[in-house]
Amino acid sequence: MIVSVLPEDIDQQNHVNNTVYLRWVQEVATAHWRAVATADAQENIGWVVLRHEIDYKTPACLGDEIVLRTWVGKSTRLTFERFTEIRRSGDDQLLSNARTLWCPINAQTARPVRVPAEVREQFSI
């Protein structure tokens, strides 16, 4: 997924604000889920974040084109570990790494649910 750094993404230090990186992490996770999960899974399973860990390496600036890459790490019945890599397109500079722990929920009741084995398999690395 590619995103552009917009004026509203810039903070007082004249680079992308940390909260924007978090937004990107969530956006690429959602895009990945929608691209890979079946329509049935998307209708019945929602996700909530249990934990975000983000390491900032180099700042992004206005006008940069950013490449977001994500993949699922370890999955259990009740959690999915997801990694995200954020790079600047022009020079492939690593800007940030993130690790997020997601919990699946029933889309109707908002209660935690077990991830079906077939869904875990679709996202296995």
Protein backbone atom coordinates (compact mmCIF):
# COMPACT_ATOMS: atom_id res chain seq x y z
CA MET A 1 0.00 0.00 0.00
CA ILE A 2 1.34 3.45 -0.87
CA VAL A 3 0.34 6.68 0.88
CA SER A 4 1.46 10.27 0.45
CA VAL A 5 2.51 12.50 3.33
CA LEU A 6 -0.02 15.35 3.49
CA PRO A 7 0.26 18.76 5.16
CA GLU A 8 -2.05 17.66 8.00
CA ASP A 9 0.35 14.78 8.79
CA ILE A 10 3.16 17.18 9.74
CA ASP A 11 3.84 18.19 13.35
CA GLN A 12 5.74 21.06 14.99
CA GLN A 13 9.08 19.36 14.30
CA ASN A 14 8.24 19.56 10.57
CA HIS A 15 7.97 15.80 10.08
CA VAL A 16 5.20 13.21 10.20
CA ASN A 17 3.56 13.03 13.62
CA ASN A 18 3.81 9.74 15.50
CA THR A 19 0.03 9.33 15.51
CA VAL A 20 0.05 9.26 11.70
CA TYR A 21 2.33 6.21 11.74
CA LEU A 22 -0.23 4.52 14.00
CA ARG A 23 -3.02 5.43 11.59
CA TRP A 24 -1.01 3.94 8.71
CA VAL A 25 -0.44 0.73 10.70
CA GLN A 26 -4.18 0.37 11.19
CA GLU A 27 -5.04 1.30 7.60
CA VAL A 28 -2.69 -1.26 6.05
CA ALA A 29 -3.93 -3.96 8.47
CA THR A 30 -7.52 -3.24 7.46
CA ALA A 31 -6.64 -3.26 3.76
CA HIS A 32 -4.82 -6.59 4.17
CA TRP A 33 -7.79 -8.13 6.02
CA ARG A 34 -10.20 -6.98 3.32
CA ALA A 35 -7.95 -8.27 0.53
CA VAL A 36 -7.41 -11.75 1.98
CA ALA A 37 -10.36 -12.67 4.24
CA THR A 38 -13.49 -14.22 2.79
CA ALA A 39 -16.70 -12.22 2.69
CA ASP A 40 -18.10 -14.46 5.42
CA ALA A 41 -15.11 -13.84 7.69
CA GLN A 42 -15.32 -10.09 7.08
CA GLU A 43 -19.02 -10.10 7.95
CA ASN A 44 -18.61 -12.11 11.16
CA ILE A 45 -15.21 -11.16 12.58
CA GLY A 46 -14.15 -7.73 13.78
CA TRP A 47 -10.84 -6.75 15.36
CA VAL A 48 -9.67 -4.76 18.37
CA VAL A 49 -6.11 -3.84 19.23
CA LEU A 50 -4.61 -5.20 22.43
CA ARG A 51 -1.15 -3.68 21.98
CA HIS A 52 0.88 -1.52 19.58
CA GLU A 53 4.68 -1.35 19.59
CA ILE A 54 6.25 1.12 17.16
CA ASP A 55 9.94 1.80 16.62
CA TYR A 56 10.67 5.05 14.79
CA LYS A 57 13.88 4.99 12.77
CA THR A 58 13.91 8.01 10.44
CA PRO A 59 11.33 10.78 10.00
CA ALA A 60 9.06 11.13 6.98
CA CYS A 61 8.46 14.61 5.58
CA LEU A 62 5.90 16.46 3.53
CA GLY A 63 5.70 15.15 -0.01
CA ASP A 64 7.25 11.75 0.75
CA GLU A 65 5.60 8.71 -0.78
CA ILE A 66 5.37 5.97 1.84
CA VAL A 67 5.24 2.21 1.26
CA LEU A 68 3.36 0.21 3.90
CA ARG A 69 3.92 -3.54 4.10
CA THR A 70 2.23 -5.85 6.59
CA TRP A 71 2.14 -9.53 7.42
CA VAL A 72 0.78 -11.76 10.16
CA GLY A 73 3.16 -13.42 12.59
CA LYS A 74 2.05 -15.86 15.25
CA SER A 75 -1.66 -16.49 15.53
CA THR A 76 -3.51 -18.27 18.29
CA ARG A 77 -7.17 -18.96 18.84
CA LEU A 78 -7.67 -15.48 20.30
CA THR A 79 -4.84 -13.30 18.99
CA PHE A 80 -3.11 -12.34 15.79
CA GLU A 81 0.34 -10.79 15.85
CA ARG A 82 0.81 -8.41 12.92
CA PHE A 83 3.97 -6.70 11.74
CA THR A 84 4.17 -3.53 9.67
CA GLU A 85 7.12 -2.02 7.89
CA ILE A 86 7.02 1.63 6.79
CA ARG A 87 9.51 2.77 4.14
CA ARG A 88 10.06 5.86 2.03
CA SER A 89 9.46 4.99 -1.61
CA GLY A 90 12.17 7.16 -3.16
CA ASP A 91 15.17 5.63 -1.39
CA ASP A 92 13.63 2.56 0.33
CA GLN A 93 14.72 4.01 3.70
CA LEU A 94 13.19 2.18 6.67
CA LEU A 95 11.19 4.75 8.64
CA SER A 96 9.42 2.58 11.17
CA ASN A 97 8.65 -0.97 12.28
CA ALA A 98 5.52 -1.90 14.21
CA ARG A 99 4.16 -4.94 15.98
CA THR A 100 0.47 -5.06 16.85
CA LEU A 101 -1.45 -7.67 18.78
CA TRP A 102 -5.05 -7.94 17.58
CA CYS A 103 -7.98 -9.78 19.18
CA PRO A 104 -10.84 -11.05 17.01
CA ILE A 105 -14.36 -10.19 18.09
CA ASN A 106 -17.80 -11.27 17.01
CA ALA A 107 -18.93 -8.48 14.68
CA GLN A 108 -22.47 -8.53 16.12
CA THR A 109 -21.79 -8.92 19.86
CA ALA A 110 -18.31 -7.34 20.13
CA ARG A 111 -17.23 -10.27 22.33
CA PRO A 112 -13.91 -12.04 21.75
CA VAL A 113 -14.18 -15.09 19.51
CA ARG A 114 -11.85 -17.83 18.44
CA VAL A 115 -10.39 -17.41 15.00
CA PRO A 116 -11.43 -20.35 12.84
CA ALA A 117 -8.54 -22.53 11.72
CA GLU A 118 -9.21 -21.78 8.06
CA VAL A 119 -8.92 -18.03 8.67
CA ARG A 120 -5.65 -18.53 10.61
CA GLU A 121 -4.34 -20.60 7.70
CA GLN A 122 -5.19 -17.87 5.16
CA PHE A 123 -2.99 -15.41 7.03
CA SER A 124 -0.20 -17.76 8.12
CA ILE A 125 3.32 -16.84 7.13
